[in-house]
Amino acid sequence: SRLQTTLRRLLGAKGLSVNAPPRPGLS
């Protein structure tokens, strides 16, 4: 959540999202 907020602000991209891995062990 904090990464998403910071990256949206830094990059000026409201459509940017940071998503949890679809399965454990993935990025």
mmCIF file of all heavy atoms, coordinates in Angstrom:
data_MODEL
# 
_entry.id   MODEL 
# 
loop_
_atom_site.group_PDB 
_atom_site.id 
_atom_site.type_symbol 
_atom_site.label_atom_id 
_atom_site.label_alt_id 
_atom_site.label_comp_id 
_atom_site.label_asym_id 
_atom_site.label_entity_id 
_atom_site.label_seq_id 
_atom_site.pdbx_PDB_ins_code 
_atom_site.Cartn_x 
_atom_site.Cartn_y 
_atom_site.Cartn_z 
_atom_site.occupancy 
_atom_site.B_iso_or_equiv 
_atom_site.pdbx_formal_charge 
_atom_site.auth_seq_id 
_atom_site.auth_comp_id 
_atom_site.auth_asym_id 
_atom_site.auth_atom_id 
_atom_site.pdbx_PDB_model_num 
ATOM 1   N N   . SER A 1 1  ? 0.830  -1.206  0.000   1.00 0.00 ? 1  SER A N   1 
ATOM 2   C CA  . SER A 1 1  ? 0.000  0.000   0.000   1.00 0.00 ? 1  SER A CA  1 
ATOM 3   C C   . SER A 1 1  ? 0.869  1.263   0.000   1.00 0.00 ? 1  SER A C   1 
ATOM 4   O O   . SER A 1 1  ? 0.609  2.212   -0.749  1.00 0.00 ? 1  SER A O   1 
ATOM 5   C CB  . SER A 1 1  ? -0.916 -0.017  1.221   1.00 0.00 ? 1  SER A CB  1 
ATOM 6   O OG  . SER A 1 1  ? -1.666 1.168   1.289   1.00 0.00 ? 1  SER A OG  1 
ATOM 7   N N   . ARG A 1 2  ? 1.901  1.284   0.826   1.00 0.00 ? 2  ARG A N   1 
ATOM 8   C CA  . ARG A 1 2  ? 2.783  2.451   0.908   1.00 0.00 ? 2  ARG A CA  1 
ATOM 9   C C   . ARG A 1 2  ? 3.569  2.644   -0.380  1.00 0.00 ? 2  ARG A C   1 
ATOM 10  O O   . ARG A 1 2  ? 3.770  3.780   -0.834  1.00 0.00 ? 2  ARG A O   1 
ATOM 11  C CB  . ARG A 1 2  ? 3.713  2.304   2.107   1.00 0.00 ? 2  ARG A CB  1 
ATOM 12  C CG  . ARG A 1 2  ? 2.941  2.405   3.427   1.00 0.00 ? 2  ARG A CG  1 
ATOM 13  C CD  . ARG A 1 2  ? 3.727  2.043   4.674   1.00 0.00 ? 2  ARG A CD  1 
ATOM 14  N NE  . ARG A 1 2  ? 5.065  2.556   4.685   1.00 0.00 ? 2  ARG A NE  1 
ATOM 15  C CZ  . ARG A 1 2  ? 6.128  1.836   5.047   1.00 0.00 ? 2  ARG A CZ  1 
ATOM 16  N NH1 . ARG A 1 2  ? 5.998  0.589   5.436   1.00 0.00 ? 2  ARG A NH1 1 
ATOM 17  N NH2 . ARG A 1 2  ? 7.324  2.377   5.049   1.00 0.00 ? 2  ARG A NH2 1 
ATOM 18  N N   . LEU A 1 3  ? 4.025  1.542   -0.983  1.00 0.00 ? 3  LEU A N   1 
ATOM 19  C CA  . LEU A 1 3  ? 4.731  1.635   -2.261  1.00 0.00 ? 3  LEU A CA  1 
ATOM 20  C C   . LEU A 1 3  ? 3.821  2.206   -3.344  1.00 0.00 ? 3  LEU A C   1 
ATOM 21  O O   . LEU A 1 3  ? 4.229  3.068   -4.129  1.00 0.00 ? 3  LEU A O   1 
ATOM 22  C CB  . LEU A 1 3  ? 5.236  0.250   -2.699  1.00 0.00 ? 3  LEU A CB  1 
ATOM 23  C CG  . LEU A 1 3  ? 6.493  -0.252  -2.003  1.00 0.00 ? 3  LEU A CG  1 
ATOM 24  C CD1 . LEU A 1 3  ? 6.659  -1.748  -2.251  1.00 0.00 ? 3  LEU A CD1 1 
ATOM 25  C CD2 . LEU A 1 3  ? 7.708  0.518   -2.498  1.00 0.00 ? 3  LEU A CD2 1 
ATOM 26  N N   . GLN A 1 4  ? 2.583  1.732   -3.393  1.00 0.00 ? 4  GLN A N   1 
ATOM 27  C CA  . GLN A 1 4  ? 1.636  2.218   -4.398  1.00 0.00 ? 4  GLN A CA  1 
ATOM 28  C C   . GLN A 1 4  ? 1.404  3.721   -4.242  1.00 0.00 ? 4  GLN A C   1 
ATOM 29  O O   . GLN A 1 4  ? 1.455  4.464   -5.225  1.00 0.00 ? 4  GLN A O   1 
ATOM 30  C CB  . GLN A 1 4  ? 0.312  1.457   -4.289  1.00 0.00 ? 4  GLN A CB  1 
ATOM 31  C CG  . GLN A 1 4  ? -0.725 1.942   -5.293  1.00 0.00 ? 4  GLN A CG  1 
ATOM 32  C CD  . GLN A 1 4  ? -1.937 1.052   -5.282  1.00 0.00 ? 4  GLN A CD  1 
ATOM 33  O OE1 . GLN A 1 4  ? -1.868 -0.050  -5.812  1.00 0.00 ? 4  GLN A OE1 1 
ATOM 34  N NE2 . GLN A 1 4  ? -3.017 1.508   -4.690  1.00 0.00 ? 4  GLN A NE2 1 
ATOM 35  N N   . THR A 1 5  ? 1.182  4.173   -3.025  1.00 0.00 ? 5  THR A N   1 
ATOM 36  C CA  . THR A 1 5  ? 0.964  5.595   -2.768  1.00 0.00 ? 5  THR A CA  1 
ATOM 37  C C   . THR A 1 5  ? 2.171  6.421   -3.197  1.00 0.00 ? 5  THR A C   1 
ATOM 38  O O   . THR A 1 5  ? 2.044  7.438   -3.888  1.00 0.00 ? 5  THR A O   1 
ATOM 39  C CB  . THR A 1 5  ? 0.672  5.831   -1.267  1.00 0.00 ? 5  THR A CB  1 
ATOM 40  O OG1 . THR A 1 5  ? -0.525 5.132   -0.925  1.00 0.00 ? 5  THR A OG1 1 
ATOM 41  C CG2 . THR A 1 5  ? 0.516  7.307   -0.955  1.00 0.00 ? 5  THR A CG2 1 
ATOM 42  N N   . THR A 1 6  ? 3.355  5.971   -2.830  1.00 0.00 ? 6  THR A N   1 
ATOM 43  C CA  . THR A 1 6  ? 4.583  6.701   -3.151  1.00 0.00 ? 6  THR A CA  1 
ATOM 44  C C   . THR A 1 6  ? 4.856  6.718   -4.656  1.00 0.00 ? 6  THR A C   1 
ATOM 45  O O   . THR A 1 6  ? 5.187  7.766   -5.224  1.00 0.00 ? 6  THR A O   1 
ATOM 46  C CB  . THR A 1 6  ? 5.780  6.088   -2.404  1.00 0.00 ? 6  THR A CB  1 
ATOM 47  O OG1 . THR A 1 6  ? 5.513  6.156   -0.996  1.00 0.00 ? 6  THR A OG1 1 
ATOM 48  C CG2 . THR A 1 6  ? 7.065  6.819   -2.721  1.00 0.00 ? 6  THR A CG2 1 
ATOM 49  N N   . LEU A 1 7  ? 4.703  5.575   -5.315  1.00 0.00 ? 7  LEU A N   1 
ATOM 50  C CA  . LEU A 1 7  ? 4.970  5.516   -6.758  1.00 0.00 ? 7  LEU A CA  1 
ATOM 51  C C   . LEU A 1 7  ? 3.962  6.334   -7.553  1.00 0.00 ? 7  LEU A C   1 
ATOM 52  O O   . LEU A 1 7  ? 4.326  6.994   -8.530  1.00 0.00 ? 7  LEU A O   1 
ATOM 53  C CB  . LEU A 1 7  ? 4.991  4.065   -7.237  1.00 0.00 ? 7  LEU A CB  1 
ATOM 54  C CG  . LEU A 1 7  ? 6.198  3.259   -6.764  1.00 0.00 ? 7  LEU A CG  1 
ATOM 55  C CD1 . LEU A 1 7  ? 6.011  1.780   -7.074  1.00 0.00 ? 7  LEU A CD1 1 
ATOM 56  C CD2 . LEU A 1 7  ? 7.480  3.787   -7.397  1.00 0.00 ? 7  LEU A CD2 1 
ATOM 57  N N   . ARG A 1 8  ? 2.697  6.319   -7.148  1.00 0.00 ? 8  ARG A N   1 
ATOM 58  C CA  . ARG A 1 8  ? 1.693  7.155   -7.822  1.00 0.00 ? 8  ARG A CA  1 
ATOM 59  C C   . ARG A 1 8  ? 2.072  8.626   -7.731  1.00 0.00 ? 8  ARG A C   1 
ATOM 60  O O   . ARG A 1 8  ? 1.975  9.371   -8.700  1.00 0.00 ? 8  ARG A O   1 
ATOM 61  C CB  . ARG A 1 8  ? 0.311  6.943   -7.211  1.00 0.00 ? 8  ARG A CB  1 
ATOM 62  C CG  . ARG A 1 8  ? -0.370 5.678   -7.651  1.00 0.00 ? 8  ARG A CG  1 
ATOM 63  C CD  . ARG A 1 8  ? -1.717 5.533   -6.985  1.00 0.00 ? 8  ARG A CD  1 
ATOM 64  N NE  . ARG A 1 8  ? -2.422 4.362   -7.489  1.00 0.00 ? 8  ARG A NE  1 
ATOM 65  C CZ  . ARG A 1 8  ? -3.578 3.951   -7.013  1.00 0.00 ? 8  ARG A CZ  1 
ATOM 66  N NH1 . ARG A 1 8  ? -4.174 4.593   -6.027  1.00 0.00 ? 8  ARG A NH1 1 
ATOM 67  N NH2 . ARG A 1 8  ? -4.151 2.878   -7.524  1.00 0.00 ? 8  ARG A NH2 1 
ATOM 68  N N   . ARG A 1 9  ? 2.516  9.035   -6.542  1.00 0.00 ? 9  ARG A N   1 
ATOM 69  C CA  . ARG A 1 9  ? 2.901  10.438  -6.336  1.00 0.00 ? 9  ARG A CA  1 
ATOM 70  C C   . ARG A 1 9  ? 4.169  10.776  -7.134  1.00 0.00 ? 9  ARG A C   1 
ATOM 71  O O   . ARG A 1 9  ? 4.214  11.762  -7.850  1.00 0.00 ? 9  ARG A O   1 
ATOM 72  C CB  . ARG A 1 9  ? 3.121  10.705  -4.848  1.00 0.00 ? 9  ARG A CB  1 
ATOM 73  C CG  . ARG A 1 9  ? 3.546  12.137  -4.539  1.00 0.00 ? 9  ARG A CG  1 
ATOM 74  C CD  . ARG A 1 9  ? 3.757  12.369  -3.051  1.00 0.00 ? 9  ARG A CD  1 
ATOM 75  N NE  . ARG A 1 9  ? 4.601  11.392  -2.391  1.00 0.00 ? 9  ARG A NE  1 
ATOM 76  C CZ  . ARG A 1 9  ? 5.943  11.393  -2.424  1.00 0.00 ? 9  ARG A CZ  1 
ATOM 77  N NH1 . ARG A 1 9  ? 6.580  12.328  -3.093  1.00 0.00 ? 9  ARG A NH1 1 
ATOM 78  N NH2 . ARG A 1 9  ? 6.630  10.475  -1.777  1.00 0.00 ? 9  ARG A NH2 1 
ATOM 79  N N   . LEU A 1 10 ? 5.190  9.951   -7.027  1.00 0.00 ? 10 LEU A N   1 
ATOM 80  C CA  . LEU A 1 10 ? 6.462  10.225  -7.695  1.00 0.00 ? 10 LEU A CA  1 
ATOM 81  C C   . LEU A 1 10 ? 6.347  10.228  -9.219  1.00 0.00 ? 10 LEU A C   1 
ATOM 82  O O   . LEU A 1 10 ? 6.978  11.036  -9.898  1.00 0.00 ? 10 LEU A O   1 
ATOM 83  C CB  . LEU A 1 10 ? 7.514  9.186   -7.291  1.00 0.00 ? 10 LEU A CB  1 
ATOM 84  C CG  . LEU A 1 10 ? 8.095  9.292   -5.894  1.00 0.00 ? 10 LEU A CG  1 
ATOM 85  C CD1 . LEU A 1 10 ? 8.986  8.094   -5.609  1.00 0.00 ? 10 LEU A CD1 1 
ATOM 86  C CD2 . LEU A 1 10 ? 8.874  10.591  -5.734  1.00 0.00 ? 10 LEU A CD2 1 
ATOM 87  N N   . LEU A 1 11 ? 5.561  9.300   -9.746  1.00 0.00 ? 11 LEU A N   1 
ATOM 88  C CA  . LEU A 1 11 ? 5.457  9.144   -11.197 1.00 0.00 ? 11 LEU A CA  1 
ATOM 89  C C   . LEU A 1 11 ? 4.250  9.862   -11.793 1.00 0.00 ? 11 LEU A C   1 
ATOM 90  O O   . LEU A 1 11 ? 4.095  9.887   -13.010 1.00 0.00 ? 11 LEU A O   1 
ATOM 91  C CB  . LEU A 1 11 ? 5.417  7.653   -11.556 1.00 0.00 ? 11 LEU A CB  1 
ATOM 92  C CG  . LEU A 1 11 ? 6.636  6.841   -11.078 1.00 0.00 ? 11 LEU A CG  1 
ATOM 93  C CD1 . LEU A 1 11 ? 6.427  5.363   -11.349 1.00 0.00 ? 11 LEU A CD1 1 
ATOM 94  C CD2 . LEU A 1 11 ? 7.917  7.353   -11.723 1.00 0.00 ? 11 LEU A CD2 1 
ATOM 95  N N   . GLY A 1 12 ? 3.391  10.418  -10.941 1.00 0.00 ? 12 GLY A N   1 
ATOM 96  C CA  . GLY A 1 12 ? 2.204  11.111  -11.441 1.00 0.00 ? 12 GLY A CA  1 
ATOM 97  C C   . GLY A 1 12 ? 1.290  10.195  -12.219 1.00 0.00 ? 12 GLY A C   1 
ATOM 98  O O   . GLY A 1 12 ? 0.706  10.594  -13.220 1.00 0.00 ? 12 GLY A O   1 
ATOM 99  N N   . ALA A 1 13 ? 1.170  8.961   -11.753 1.00 0.00 ? 13 ALA A N   1 
ATOM 100 C CA  . ALA A 1 13 ? 0.383  7.956   -12.465 1.00 0.00 ? 13 ALA A CA  1 
ATOM 101 C C   . ALA A 1 13 ? -0.716 7.408   -11.561 1.00 0.00 ? 13 ALA A C   1 
ATOM 102 O O   . ALA A 1 13 ? -0.481 6.478   -10.786 1.00 0.00 ? 13 ALA A O   1 
ATOM 103 C CB  . ALA A 1 13 ? 1.292  6.831   -12.949 1.00 0.00 ? 13 ALA A CB  1 
ATOM 104 N N   . LYS A 1 14 ? -1.913 7.980   -11.662 1.00 0.00 ? 14 LYS A N   1 
ATOM 105 C CA  . LYS A 1 14 ? -3.029 7.522   -10.829 1.00 0.00 ? 14 LYS A CA  1 
ATOM 106 C C   . LYS A 1 14 ? -3.454 6.100   -11.168 1.00 0.00 ? 14 LYS A C   1 
ATOM 107 O O   . LYS A 1 14 ? -4.005 5.390   -10.338 1.00 0.00 ? 14 LYS A O   1 
ATOM 108 C CB  . LYS A 1 14 ? -4.211 8.476   -10.964 1.00 0.00 ? 14 LYS A CB  1 
ATOM 109 C CG  . LYS A 1 14 ? -3.934 9.828   -10.364 1.00 0.00 ? 14 LYS A CG  1 
ATOM 110 C CD  . LYS A 1 14 ? -5.122 10.750  -10.495 1.00 0.00 ? 14 LYS A CD  1 
ATOM 111 C CE  . LYS A 1 14 ? -4.771 12.107  -9.918  1.00 0.00 ? 14 LYS A CE  1 
ATOM 112 N NZ  . LYS A 1 14 ? -5.846 13.066  -10.056 1.00 0.00 ? 14 LYS A NZ  1 
ATOM 113 N N   . GLY A 1 15 ? -3.208 5.658   -12.416 1.00 0.00 ? 15 GLY A N   1 
ATOM 114 C CA  . GLY A 1 15 ? -3.593 4.320   -12.842 1.00 0.00 ? 15 GLY A CA  1 
ATOM 115 C C   . GLY A 1 15 ? -2.595 3.248   -12.456 1.00 0.00 ? 15 GLY A C   1 
ATOM 116 O O   . GLY A 1 15 ? -2.777 2.078   -12.774 1.00 0.00 ? 15 GLY A O   1 
ATOM 117 N N   . LEU A 1 16 ? -1.541 3.623   -11.734 1.00 0.00 ? 16 LEU A N   1 
ATOM 118 C CA  . LEU A 1 16 ? -0.518 2.674   -11.321 1.00 0.00 ? 16 LEU A CA  1 
ATOM 119 C C   . LEU A 1 16 ? -1.008 1.888   -10.105 1.00 0.00 ? 16 LEU A C   1 
ATOM 120 O O   . LEU A 1 16 ? -1.626 2.448   -9.202  1.00 0.00 ? 16 LEU A O   1 
ATOM 121 C CB  . LEU A 1 16 ? 0.748  3.457   -10.956 1.00 0.00 ? 16 LEU A CB  1 
ATOM 122 C CG  . LEU A 1 16 ? 1.959  2.641   -10.524 1.00 0.00 ? 16 LEU A CG  1 
ATOM 123 C CD1 . LEU A 1 16 ? 3.213  3.279   -11.060 1.00 0.00 ? 16 LEU A CD1 1 
ATOM 124 C CD2 . LEU A 1 16 ? 2.017  2.534   -9.025  1.00 0.00 ? 16 LEU A CD2 1 
ATOM 125 N N   . SER A 1 17 ? -0.749 0.588   -10.095 1.00 0.00 ? 17 SER A N   1 
ATOM 126 C CA  . SER A 1 17 ? -1.097 -0.220  -8.930  1.00 0.00 ? 17 SER A CA  1 
ATOM 127 C C   . SER A 1 17 ? 0.039  -1.177  -8.611  1.00 0.00 ? 17 SER A C   1 
ATOM 128 O O   . SER A 1 17 ? 0.775  -1.620  -9.495  1.00 0.00 ? 17 SER A O   1 
ATOM 129 C CB  . SER A 1 17 ? -2.401 -0.988  -9.141  1.00 0.00 ? 17 SER A CB  1 
ATOM 130 O OG  . SER A 1 17 ? -2.288 -1.880  -10.216 1.00 0.00 ? 17 SER A OG  1 
ATOM 131 N N   . VAL A 1 18 ? 0.187  -1.456  -7.332  1.00 0.00 ? 18 VAL A N   1 
ATOM 132 C CA  . VAL A 1 18 ? 1.148  -2.442  -6.852  1.00 0.00 ? 18 VAL A CA  1 
ATOM 133 C C   . VAL A 1 18 ? 0.314  -3.593  -6.312  1.00 0.00 ? 18 VAL A C   1 
ATOM 134 O O   . VAL A 1 18 ? -0.495 -3.415  -5.406  1.00 0.00 ? 18 VAL A O   1 
ATOM 135 C CB  . VAL A 1 18 ? 2.061  -1.840  -5.759  1.00 0.00 ? 18 VAL A CB  1 
ATOM 136 C CG1 . VAL A 1 18 ? 3.007  -2.901  -5.228  1.00 0.00 ? 18 VAL A CG1 1 
ATOM 137 C CG2 . VAL A 1 18 ? 2.840  -0.650  -6.314  1.00 0.00 ? 18 VAL A CG2 1 
ATOM 138 N N   . ASN A 1 19 ? 0.481  -4.768  -6.913  1.00 0.00 ? 19 ASN A N   1 
ATOM 139 C CA  . ASN A 1 19 ? -0.378 -5.910  -6.614  1.00 0.00 ? 19 ASN A CA  1 
ATOM 140 C C   . ASN A 1 19 ? 0.383  -7.019  -5.905  1.00 0.00 ? 19 ASN A C   1 
ATOM 141 O O   . ASN A 1 19 ? 1.505  -7.363  -6.306  1.00 0.00 ? 19 ASN A O   1 
ATOM 142 C CB  . ASN A 1 19 ? -0.975 -6.469  -7.908  1.00 0.00 ? 19 ASN A CB  1 
ATOM 143 C CG  . ASN A 1 19 ? -1.687 -5.396  -8.700  1.00 0.00 ? 19 ASN A CG  1 
ATOM 144 O OD1 . ASN A 1 19 ? -2.434 -4.603  -8.150  1.00 0.00 ? 19 ASN A OD1 1 
ATOM 145 N ND2 . ASN A 1 19 ? -1.435 -5.337  -9.989  1.00 0.00 ? 19 ASN A ND2 1 
ATOM 146 N N   . ALA A 1 20 ? -0.247 -7.579  -4.887  1.00 0.00 ? 20 ALA A N   1 
ATOM 147 C CA  . ALA A 1 20 ? 0.335  -8.720  -4.183  1.00 0.00 ? 20 ALA A CA  1 
ATOM 148 C C   . ALA A 1 20 ? 0.543  -9.863  -5.175  1.00 0.00 ? 20 ALA A C   1 
ATOM 149 O O   . ALA A 1 20 ? -0.156 -9.959  -6.189  1.00 0.00 ? 20 ALA A O   1 
ATOM 150 C CB  . ALA A 1 20 ? -0.596 -9.152  -3.060  1.00 0.00 ? 20 ALA A CB  1 
ATOM 151 N N   . PRO A 1 21 ? 1.483  -10.730 -4.886  1.00 0.00 ? 21 PRO A N   1 
ATOM 152 C CA  . PRO A 1 21 ? 1.730  -11.867 -5.794  1.00 0.00 ? 21 PRO A CA  1 
ATOM 153 C C   . PRO A 1 21 ? 0.480  -12.727 -5.951  1.00 0.00 ? 21 PRO A C   1 
ATOM 154 O O   . PRO A 1 21 ? -0.250 -12.929 -4.979  1.00 0.00 ? 21 PRO A O   1 
ATOM 155 C CB  . PRO A 1 21 ? 2.835  -12.661 -5.097  1.00 0.00 ? 21 PRO A CB  1 
ATOM 156 C CG  . PRO A 1 21 ? 3.373  -11.795 -4.023  1.00 0.00 ? 21 PRO A CG  1 
ATOM 157 C CD  . PRO A 1 21 ? 2.352  -10.759 -3.720  1.00 0.00 ? 21 PRO A CD  1 
ATOM 158 N N   . PRO A 1 22 ? 0.233  -13.223 -7.154  1.00 0.00 ? 22 PRO A N   1 
ATOM 159 C CA  . PRO A 1 22 ? -0.935 -14.081 -7.374  1.00 0.00 ? 22 PRO A CA  1 
ATOM 160 C C   . PRO A 1 22 ? -0.852 -15.395 -6.584  1.00 0.00 ? 22 PRO A C   1 
ATOM 161 O O   . PRO A 1 22 ? -1.865 -15.981 -6.244  1.00 0.00 ? 22 PRO A O   1 
ATOM 162 C CB  . PRO A 1 22 ? -0.946 -14.336 -8.880  1.00 0.00 ? 22 PRO A CB  1 
ATOM 163 C CG  . PRO A 1 22 ? 0.388  -13.900 -9.387  1.00 0.00 ? 22 PRO A CG  1 
ATOM 164 C CD  . PRO A 1 22 ? 0.996  -12.997 -8.380  1.00 0.00 ? 22 PRO A CD  1 
ATOM 165 N N   . ARG A 1 23 ? 0.381  -15.847 -6.308  1.00 0.00 ? 23 ARG A N   1 
ATOM 166 C CA  . ARG A 1 23 ? 0.606  -17.062 -5.521  1.00 0.00 ? 23 ARG A CA  1 
ATOM 167 C C   . ARG A 1 23 ? 1.835  -16.831 -4.638  1.00 0.00 ? 23 ARG A C   1 
ATOM 168 O O   . ARG A 1 23 ? 2.741  -16.090 -5.015  1.00 0.00 ? 23 ARG A O   1 
ATOM 169 C CB  . ARG A 1 23 ? 0.873  -18.263 -6.438  1.00 0.00 ? 23 ARG A CB  1 
ATOM 170 C CG  . ARG A 1 23 ? -0.310 -18.677 -7.278  1.00 0.00 ? 23 ARG A CG  1 
ATOM 171 C CD  . ARG A 1 23 ? -0.049 -19.989 -8.040  1.00 0.00 ? 23 ARG A CD  1 
ATOM 172 N NE  . ARG A 1 23 ? 1.244  -20.113 -8.673  1.00 0.00 ? 23 ARG A NE  1 
ATOM 173 C CZ  . ARG A 1 23 ? 1.527  -19.710 -9.923  1.00 0.00 ? 23 ARG A CZ  1 
ATOM 174 N NH1 . ARG A 1 23 ? 0.610  -19.141 -10.667 1.00 0.00 ? 23 ARG A NH1 1 
ATOM 175 N NH2 . ARG A 1 23 ? 2.724  -19.882 -10.425 1.00 0.00 ? 23 ARG A NH2 1 
ATOM 176 N N   . PRO A 1 24 ? 1.889  -17.472 -3.487  1.00 0.00 ? 24 PRO A N   1 
ATOM 177 C CA  . PRO A 1 24 ? 3.064  -17.342 -2.622  1.00 0.00 ? 24 PRO A CA  1 
ATOM 178 C C   . PRO A 1 24 ? 4.343  -17.711 -3.375  1.00 0.00 ? 24 PRO A C   1 
ATOM 179 O O   . PRO A 1 24 ? 4.347  -18.619 -4.206  1.00 0.00 ? 24 PRO A O   1 
ATOM 180 C CB  . PRO A 1 24 ? 2.792  -18.339 -1.485  1.00 0.00 ? 24 PRO A CB  1 
ATOM 181 C CG  . PRO A 1 24 ? 1.307  -18.505 -1.474  1.00 0.00 ? 24 PRO A CG  1 
ATOM 182 C CD  . PRO A 1 24 ? 0.867  -18.353 -2.906  1.00 0.00 ? 24 PRO A CD  1 
ATOM 183 N N   . GLY A 1 25 ? 5.395  -16.972 -3.104  1.00 0.00 ? 25 GLY A N   1 
ATOM 184 C CA  . GLY A 1 25 ? 6.678  -17.253 -3.745  1.00 0.00 ? 25 GLY A CA  1 
ATOM 185 C C   . GLY A 1 25 ? 6.918  -16.468 -5.012  1.00 0.00 ? 25 GLY A C   1 
ATOM 186 O O   . GLY A 1 25 ? 8.037  -16.452 -5.527  1.00 0.00 ? 25 GLY A O   1 
ATOM 187 N N   . LEU A 1 26 ? 5.868  -15.815 -5.547  1.00 0.00 ? 26 LEU A N   1 
ATOM 188 C CA  . LEU A 1 26 ? 6.029  -15.013 -6.758  1.00 0.00 ? 26 LEU A CA  1 
ATOM 189 C C   . LEU A 1 26 ? 6.289  -13.560 -6.386  1.00 0.00 ? 26 LEU A C   1 
ATOM 190 O O   . LEU A 1 26 ? 6.122  -13.157 -5.235  1.00 0.00 ? 26 LEU A O   1 
ATOM 191 C CB  . LEU A 1 26 ? 4.787  -15.118 -7.645  1.00 0.00 ? 26 LEU A CB  1 
ATOM 192 C CG  . LEU A 1 26 ? 4.478  -16.505 -8.210  1.00 0.00 ? 26 LEU A CG  1 
ATOM 193 C CD1 . LEU A 1 26 ? 3.217  -16.454 -9.059  1.00 0.00 ? 26 LEU A CD1 1 
ATOM 194 C CD2 . LEU A 1 26 ? 5.643  -17.026 -9.038  1.00 0.00 ? 26 LEU A CD2 1 
ATOM 195 N N   . SER A 1 27 ? 6.666  -12.761 -7.356  1.00 0.00 ? 27 SER A N   1 
ATOM 196 C CA  . SER A 1 27 ? 7.003  -11.355 -7.125  1.00 0.00 ? 27 SER A CA  1 
ATOM 197 C C   . SER A 1 27 ? 5.756  -10.479 -7.033  1.00 0.00 ? 27 SER A C   1 
ATOM 198 O O   . SER A 1 27 ? 4.717  -10.785 -7.608  1.00 0.00 ? 27 SER A O   1 
ATOM 199 C CB  . SER A 1 27 ? 7.853  -10.837 -8.281  1.00 0.00 ? 27 SER A CB  1 
ATOM 200 O OG  . SER A 1 27 ? 9.054  -11.551 -8.370  1.00 0.00 ? 27 SER A OG  1 
# 
